[in-house]
Protein backbone atom coordinates (compact mmCIF):
# COMPACT_ATOMS: atom_id res chain seq x y z
CA MET A 1 0.09 0.04 0.15
CA LEU A 2 1.05 3.42 -0.96
CA ILE A 3 1.56 5.71 1.98
CA ASP A 4 2.28 9.17 2.56
CA THR A 5 3.70 9.14 5.89
CA HIS A 6 4.52 12.90 6.12
CA CYS A 7 2.33 15.63 4.66
CA HIS A 8 1.44 18.92 5.70
CA LEU A 9 -2.06 18.90 4.17
CA ASP A 10 -2.84 21.71 6.45
CA ALA A 11 -0.47 24.05 5.59
CA PRO A 12 -1.65 27.39 4.26
CA GLU A 13 -0.51 26.51 0.69
CA PHE A 14 -3.25 24.37 0.44
CA ASN A 15 -5.80 26.43 1.31
CA HIS A 16 -7.15 27.44 -2.02
CA ASP A 17 -6.97 23.78 -3.62
CA ARG A 18 -6.82 21.48 -0.66
CA GLU A 19 -9.37 19.14 -1.85
CA SER A 20 -8.32 18.81 -5.15
CA VAL A 21 -4.53 17.74 -3.54
CA ALA A 22 -6.27 15.33 -1.50
CA ASN A 23 -8.15 13.71 -4.43
CA ASN A 24 -5.24 13.62 -6.80
CA ALA A 25 -3.24 12.07 -4.11
CA LEU A 26 -5.68 9.32 -4.37
CA ASN A 27 -6.00 9.24 -8.18
CA GLN A 28 -2.19 8.63 -8.14
CA GLY A 29 -2.41 5.64 -5.86
CA VAL A 30 -1.67 7.46 -2.75
CA LYS A 31 -3.84 5.26 -0.22
CA LEU A 32 -3.40 7.08 2.92
CA ILE A 33 -1.68 10.10 4.37
CA VAL A 34 -0.29 10.90 7.81
CA MET A 35 -0.74 14.77 8.90
CA PRO A 36 1.56 15.84 11.70
CA ALA A 37 0.58 18.99 13.61
CA VAL A 38 3.70 21.56 14.23
CA ALA A 39 2.09 23.78 17.13
CA ARG A 40 -0.82 23.81 19.26
CA GLU A 41 -2.50 26.62 16.87
CA ASN A 42 -3.10 23.64 14.42
CA PHE A 43 -3.95 20.90 16.74
CA GLN A 44 -7.78 21.07 15.99
CA HIS A 45 -7.05 22.15 12.26
CA VAL A 46 -5.11 18.64 11.89
CA VAL A 47 -7.73 16.69 13.76
CA ASP A 48 -10.56 18.24 11.67
CA LEU A 49 -9.05 17.54 8.15
CA SER A 50 -8.21 13.86 9.21
CA THR A 51 -11.99 13.74 10.02
CA GLN A 52 -12.93 15.01 6.82
CA TYR A 53 -10.85 13.25 4.64
CA ALA A 54 -11.15 9.45 4.63
CA HIS A 55 -7.60 8.70 3.55
CA VAL A 56 -5.97 11.12 5.85
CA VAL A 57 -4.83 10.09 9.73
CA CYS A 58 -2.97 12.76 11.88
CA ALA A 59 -0.35 12.88 14.83
CA LEU A 60 -0.18 15.89 17.26
CA GLY A 61 3.02 17.51 18.44
CA ILE A 62 5.16 20.72 18.78
CA HIS A 63 7.64 20.88 16.11
CA PRO A 64 11.06 22.17 17.19
CA MET A 65 11.22 25.27 15.08
CA TYR A 66 8.03 26.40 16.87
CA VAL A 67 8.79 25.92 20.43
CA ASP A 68 10.02 29.62 20.94
CA ALA A 69 6.44 30.51 20.63
CA ALA A 70 5.12 27.51 22.64
CA GLN A 71 4.31 27.43 26.39
CA PRO A 72 4.51 24.84 28.86
CA SER A 73 0.42 24.90 28.97
CA ASP A 74 0.73 23.57 25.27
CA LEU A 75 2.05 20.36 26.58
CA THR A 76 -1.05 20.14 28.89
CA GLN A 77 -3.11 21.08 25.62
CA LEU A 78 -1.51 18.17 23.96
CA LYS A 79 -2.45 15.54 26.80
CA THR A 80 -5.72 16.79 26.85
CA LEU A 81 -6.49 16.44 22.97
CA ILE A 82 -4.88 13.25 22.96
CA THR A 83 -6.84 11.73 25.75
CA GLN A 84 -10.19 13.02 23.87
CA GLN A 85 -9.03 11.68 20.62
CA LEU A 86 -8.15 8.21 22.18
CA ALA A 87 -11.49 8.13 23.52
CA ALA A 88 -13.07 9.08 20.18
CA PRO A 89 -15.23 6.68 18.58
CA ASN A 90 -13.63 7.93 14.87
CA ASN A 91 -10.32 8.41 16.41
CA LYS A 92 -7.37 8.85 13.57
CA LEU A 93 -4.93 9.79 15.95
CA VAL A 94 -1.75 7.49 15.04
CA ALA A 95 1.44 9.49 16.57
CA VAL A 96 3.14 12.09 18.52
CA GLY A 97 4.66 14.50 16.13
CA GLU A 98 6.16 16.25 14.64
CA ILE A 99 8.39 16.35 17.36
CA GLY A 100 12.16 16.28 17.62
CA LEU A 101 15.36 18.92 17.42
CA ASP A 102 16.49 20.91 14.92
CA PHE A 103 20.21 22.59 15.11
CA PHE A 104 20.67 23.25 11.53
CA VAL A 105 19.21 27.15 11.80
CA THR A 106 20.41 27.83 15.24
CA GLN A 107 21.56 26.11 18.66
CA GLU A 108 20.60 28.90 20.75
CA ASN A 109 17.43 27.82 21.81
CA ARG A 110 18.73 24.47 22.32
CA GLU A 111 17.15 24.17 25.87
CA THR A 112 13.88 25.25 24.86
CA GLN A 113 13.96 22.44 22.05
CA GLU A 114 15.38 19.77 24.41
CA TYR A 115 12.83 20.41 26.93
CA PHE A 116 9.83 20.26 24.58
CA PHE A 117 11.31 17.30 22.97
CA SER A 118 11.70 15.28 26.12
CA GLU A 119 8.70 16.06 27.79
CA GLN A 120 6.56 14.92 24.61
CA LEU A 121 8.57 12.04 24.47
CA LYS A 122 7.11 11.26 27.76
CA ILE A 123 3.71 11.94 26.67
CA ALA A 124 4.19 9.36 23.80
CA GLN A 125 5.58 7.25 26.53
CA ALA A 126 2.57 7.65 28.89
CA PHE A 127 -0.14 6.96 25.85
CA ASP A 128 2.19 4.28 24.40
CA LEU A 129 2.24 5.77 21.16
CA PRO A 130 5.11 6.23 18.24
CA VAL A 131 6.40 9.39 17.25
CA ILE A 132 7.12 10.93 14.00
CA LEU A 133 10.70 12.83 14.78
CA HIS A 134 12.33 15.94 12.94
CA VAL A 135 15.98 15.21 13.00
CA ARG A 136 18.08 17.97 11.38
CA LYS A 137 21.63 18.33 12.38
CA ALA A 138 21.02 16.63 15.58
CA VAL A 139 20.68 13.03 15.26
CA ASP A 140 22.98 11.96 18.33
CA ASP A 141 21.16 14.30 20.67
CA VAL A 142 17.74 12.62 19.23
CA LEU A 143 19.28 9.35 20.03
CA LYS A 144 20.19 10.61 23.64
CA HIS A 145 16.72 11.47 24.75
CA LEU A 146 15.18 8.27 22.76
CA ARG A 147 17.43 5.85 24.97
CA ARG A 148 16.87 7.83 28.31
CA ILE A 149 13.16 7.66 27.30
CA PRO A 150 12.46 4.16 25.78
CA MET A 151 9.15 3.64 23.68
CA ARG A 152 7.49 2.04 20.99
CA GLY A 153 9.14 3.74 18.23
CA GLY A 154 8.02 5.77 15.25
CA ILE A 155 9.40 7.39 12.22
CA ALA A 156 12.81 9.61 11.58
CA HIS A 157 11.25 11.43 9.05
CA ALA A 158 13.41 13.13 6.29
CA PHE A 159 16.49 11.05 7.21
CA ASN A 160 20.02 12.73 6.47
CA GLY A 161 22.00 11.08 9.29
CA SER A 162 24.98 8.32 8.88
CA ALA A 163 24.75 4.77 8.32
CA GLN A 164 25.88 4.28 11.47
CA GLN A 165 22.91 6.74 13.05
CA ALA A 166 20.41 5.11 11.05
CA ASN A 167 21.15 1.59 12.17
CA ALA A 168 21.02 3.06 15.82
CA LEU A 169 17.36 4.19 14.96
CA ILE A 170 16.65 1.31 13.73
CA ASP A 171 17.42 -0.83 16.76
CA LEU A 172 15.40 1.68 18.78
CA GLY A 173 12.64 0.64 16.56
CA PHE A 174 12.54 3.28 13.87
CA LYS A 175 11.89 3.46 10.45
CA LEU A 176 13.52 5.98 8.43
CA GLY A 177 11.64 8.60 5.85
CA PHE A 178 13.01 9.06 2.45
CA GLY A 179 10.93 11.41 -0.08
CA GLY A 180 11.86 14.33 -2.26
CA ALA A 181 15.59 14.45 -1.70
CA MET A 182 16.27 11.31 -2.62
CA THR A 183 15.27 12.22 -6.15
CA TYR A 184 18.15 14.38 -6.68
CA THR A 185 21.09 12.60 -8.17
CA ARG A 186 23.63 14.92 -6.29
CA ALA A 187 21.85 13.67 -3.21
CA LEU A 188 25.05 10.96 -2.96
CA LYS A 189 24.43 10.32 0.82
CA ILE A 190 21.08 9.92 0.87
CA ARG A 191 20.74 7.95 -2.18
CA GLU A 192 23.28 5.61 -1.03
CA LEU A 193 21.48 5.00 2.27
CA ALA A 194 17.95 4.58 0.39
CA LYS A 195 19.73 1.94 -1.86
CA THR A 196 21.50 0.16 0.99
CA LEU A 197 19.81 0.29 4.31
CA PRO A 198 17.51 -2.86 5.01
CA LEU A 199 14.17 -2.25 2.94
CA ASP A 200 11.98 -3.32 5.96
CA SER A 201 13.53 -0.10 7.68
CA ILE A 202 12.51 2.48 4.89
CA VAL A 203 9.03 4.37 4.63
CA LEU A 204 7.93 7.13 2.23
CA GLU A 205 6.92 10.40 2.59
CA THR A 206 6.69 13.68 0.57
CA ASP A 207 7.04 16.14 3.45
CA SER A 208 4.54 18.33 1.21
CA PRO A 209 4.40 21.04 0.60
CA ASP A 210 8.21 20.99 1.57
CA ILE A 211 11.02 19.13 -0.05
CA PRO A 212 10.03 18.95 -3.83
CA PRO A 213 11.40 16.25 -5.99
CA GLU A 214 13.88 17.15 -8.61
CA TRP A 215 10.98 17.25 -11.41
CA VAL A 216 8.96 19.54 -9.56
CA GLY A 217 11.92 22.14 -8.61
CA THR A 218 13.32 23.35 -5.33
CA LYS A 219 11.14 26.42 -5.76
CA GLY A 220 7.76 24.31 -6.63
CA ARG A 221 4.90 22.92 -4.35
CA ASN A 222 5.06 19.41 -3.34
CA ALA A 223 2.00 17.11 -3.22
CA PRO A 224 1.29 13.90 -1.91
CA ALA A 225 0.43 12.94 -5.38
CA GLU A 226 4.21 12.68 -5.95
CA LEU A 227 4.45 9.86 -3.85
CA ALA A 228 3.99 7.16 -6.51
CA LYS A 229 7.09 8.96 -8.42
CA ILE A 230 9.42 8.98 -5.27
CA ALA A 231 8.51 5.31 -4.84
CA GLN A 232 9.80 4.74 -8.57
CA VAL A 233 12.88 6.39 -7.81
CA LEU A 234 13.54 3.89 -4.82
CA ALA A 235 12.68 1.04 -6.70
CA ASP A 236 15.38 2.54 -9.43
CA LEU A 237 17.89 2.95 -6.68
CA ARG A 238 17.48 -0.82 -5.37
CA GLY A 239 16.90 -2.57 -8.69
CA VAL A 240 13.57 -4.11 -7.97
CA GLU A 241 10.22 -3.67 -9.07
CA LEU A 242 8.05 -0.63 -7.91
CA ALA A 243 5.01 -2.82 -6.60
CA GLN A 244 7.63 -4.52 -4.14
CA ILE A 245 8.74 -1.10 -3.13
CA ILE A 246 4.75 -0.54 -2.61
CA GLU A 247 4.01 -3.34 -0.53
CA ILE A 248 7.03 -3.58 1.60
CA THR A 249 7.23 0.45 2.68
CA GLY A 250 3.19 -0.03 3.25
CA LYS A 251 3.85 -2.90 5.38
CA ASN A 252 6.67 -1.04 7.16
CA VAL A 253 4.21 1.77 8.16
CA MET A 254 1.86 -0.38 9.45
CA GLN A 255 4.07 -1.89 11.75
CA VAL A 256 5.70 0.95 13.09
CA LEU A 257 2.26 3.08 13.50
CA PRO A 258 0.19 0.15 14.13
CA LYS A 259 -3.11 2.31 14.59
CA ILE A 260 -3.32 2.61 10.95
CA ALA A 261 -3.53 -1.50 10.17
CA ASP A 262 -6.45 -1.37 12.72
CA LEU A 263 -7.98 1.78 10.34
CA CYS A 264 -7.15 0.08 7.09
CA THR A 265 -10.47 -2.35 6.64
CA PRO A 266 -13.17 0.11 7.64
CA LEU A 267 -11.40 3.04 5.44
CA ASN A 268 -11.30 0.49 2.53
CA VAL A 269 -7.97 1.47 1.68
CA LEU A 270 -6.14 -1.71 1.34
CA HIS A 271 -7.83 -2.34 -2.26
């Protein structure tokens, strides 16, 4: 099953054509979209959109690039909303995310980032939920926190670390997300990882509207419909059939985000 494990369908870039973007993804074979939140302000919007679209599920969390505007009370709100969602009859919450660390832009707020990351890991642990990680120039620091606060695993989105770091995350129960960056021929390190890591450790993503693939161009808007062509790039890199990539990466998602497996039959997305 072709699953986009990271798409910000709630982003303002989709405000004028969100429904056609969601439907076009379905038409291109994308059976399910995972939509993570980034801040308290969009928690409810993400939940509402996952209710509106049958093939969209959600995650709730505070992104490291939004922590400067966050308050400790946002964590209380996160716990409250997770509690409510897990008790709801049509619950489509599959993870805590997007959370993590980003030391690419700045490390000046490192303490704040680590505080919110650590607290959200504790929330995920308490609810026994997987996490969707944002990890940029901070893989070793993320690993430090994951070892300190054990949990059921999750997805390291847009992975761009070393093979050693990849294996450390895999050992902790994580799958690694590959998307648009992998499609650029100059992205030698990412393409080598995509080619050589165990296929059962890889999931696919777009990070729409960000990280557009090579054929869209760096200034274009990415969309979940691009996932089929991204999957083909992975198939070509590994020298296997596209159908095998779709089948295995789909199974990987359902393994690491088990709520999705529960949702698949009633959502009729298996066919």
